[in-house]
Every structure is written in structure tokens, then in C-alpha cells.
Amino acid sequence: MSTVSIARITEDQARARRAEILQAIGDVEAFRARAEAHLLDAREQSLCDQLDDLDYLLAR
């Protein structure tokens, strides 16, 4: 069974975290293509999941 972590963040914090992730991954198109092809390592998959969550929360 997995655990779920819940954190409250402001919109500004979400935008800042999203910017950090985008900077860390570099080429977003290449990163997304690798994600679609299931070629991400565990760290990259975590970043991808976080980015998806933030995009959802920020209605992107």
C-alpha cells in the first residue's frame, strides 16, 4: 500500500516549483517525448509526475 502526501502551496509557490522543474529538465519537448516512450529514470519520472500535477493545479 502506498502513502499519499498532501501539501498546501500557494499559486506563486506552484509557479516557482514548476519553473524549477522546467529548468531541471531542459528541453521540454524531448523530455515529454521520452516520457511518452517510457524512457525516464525514476528521478525524471518523479519530475514528470510533479510537472503534470502542477500543470493540472495551475490549469495549464
Protein backbone atom coordinates (compact mmCIF):
# COMPACT_ATOMS: atom_id res chain seq x y z
CA MET A 1 0.00 0.00 0.00
CA SER A 2 1.37 3.42 -0.89
CA THR A 3 1.14 6.61 1.08
CA VAL A 4 -0.13 9.93 -0.15
CA SER A 5 1.45 13.20 0.84
CA ILE A 6 -0.66 16.31 0.86
CA ALA A 7 0.91 19.74 0.83
CA ARG A 8 -0.66 23.15 0.69
CA ILE A 9 1.10 25.55 -1.59
CA THR A 10 0.23 28.96 -2.91
CA GLU A 11 -0.16 29.66 -6.60
CA ASP A 12 3.15 31.54 -6.52
CA GLN A 13 4.86 28.55 -4.92
CA ALA A 14 3.38 26.25 -7.55
CA ARG A 15 4.60 28.51 -10.34
CA ALA A 16 8.07 28.69 -8.78
CA ARG A 17 8.28 24.91 -8.40
CA ARG A 18 7.13 24.45 -11.98
CA ALA A 19 9.85 26.83 -13.16
CA GLU A 20 12.45 24.86 -11.17
CA ILE A 21 11.33 21.62 -12.77
CA LEU A 22 11.37 23.10 -16.26
CA GLN A 23 14.89 24.37 -15.68
CA ALA A 24 15.99 20.96 -14.41
CA ILE A 25 14.61 19.04 -17.39
CA GLY A 26 15.90 21.39 -20.08
CA ASP A 27 14.32 20.57 -23.44
CA VAL A 28 10.64 20.11 -22.58
CA GLU A 29 9.65 18.59 -25.92
CA ALA A 30 12.41 15.98 -25.76
CA PHE A 31 11.56 15.26 -22.13
CA ARG A 32 7.87 14.77 -22.95
CA ALA A 33 8.79 12.52 -25.88
CA ARG A 34 10.96 10.39 -23.62
CA ALA A 35 8.13 10.24 -21.09
CA GLU A 36 5.70 9.07 -23.79
CA ALA A 37 8.19 6.36 -24.76
CA HIS A 38 8.58 5.30 -21.10
CA LEU A 39 12.30 6.12 -21.15
CA LEU A 40 12.53 8.21 -17.97
CA ASP A 41 14.51 7.06 -14.97
CA ALA A 42 12.94 7.19 -11.50
CA ARG A 43 14.09 10.76 -10.78
CA GLU A 44 12.88 12.01 -14.15
CA GLN A 45 9.55 10.22 -13.73
CA SER A 46 9.12 11.94 -10.39
CA LEU A 47 9.76 15.30 -12.04
CA CYS A 48 7.30 14.42 -14.80
CA ASP A 49 4.63 13.48 -12.27
CA GLN A 50 5.22 16.69 -10.33
CA LEU A 51 5.04 18.74 -13.51
CA ASP A 52 1.79 17.07 -14.53
CA ASP A 53 0.32 17.73 -11.08
CA LEU A 54 1.38 21.37 -11.14
CA ASP A 55 0.06 21.84 -14.67
CA TYR A 56 -3.28 20.43 -13.51
CA LEU A 57 -3.38 22.66 -10.45
CA LEU A 58 -2.42 25.72 -12.47
CA ALA A 59 -4.94 24.82 -15.20
CA ARG A 60 -2.34 24.63 -17.96
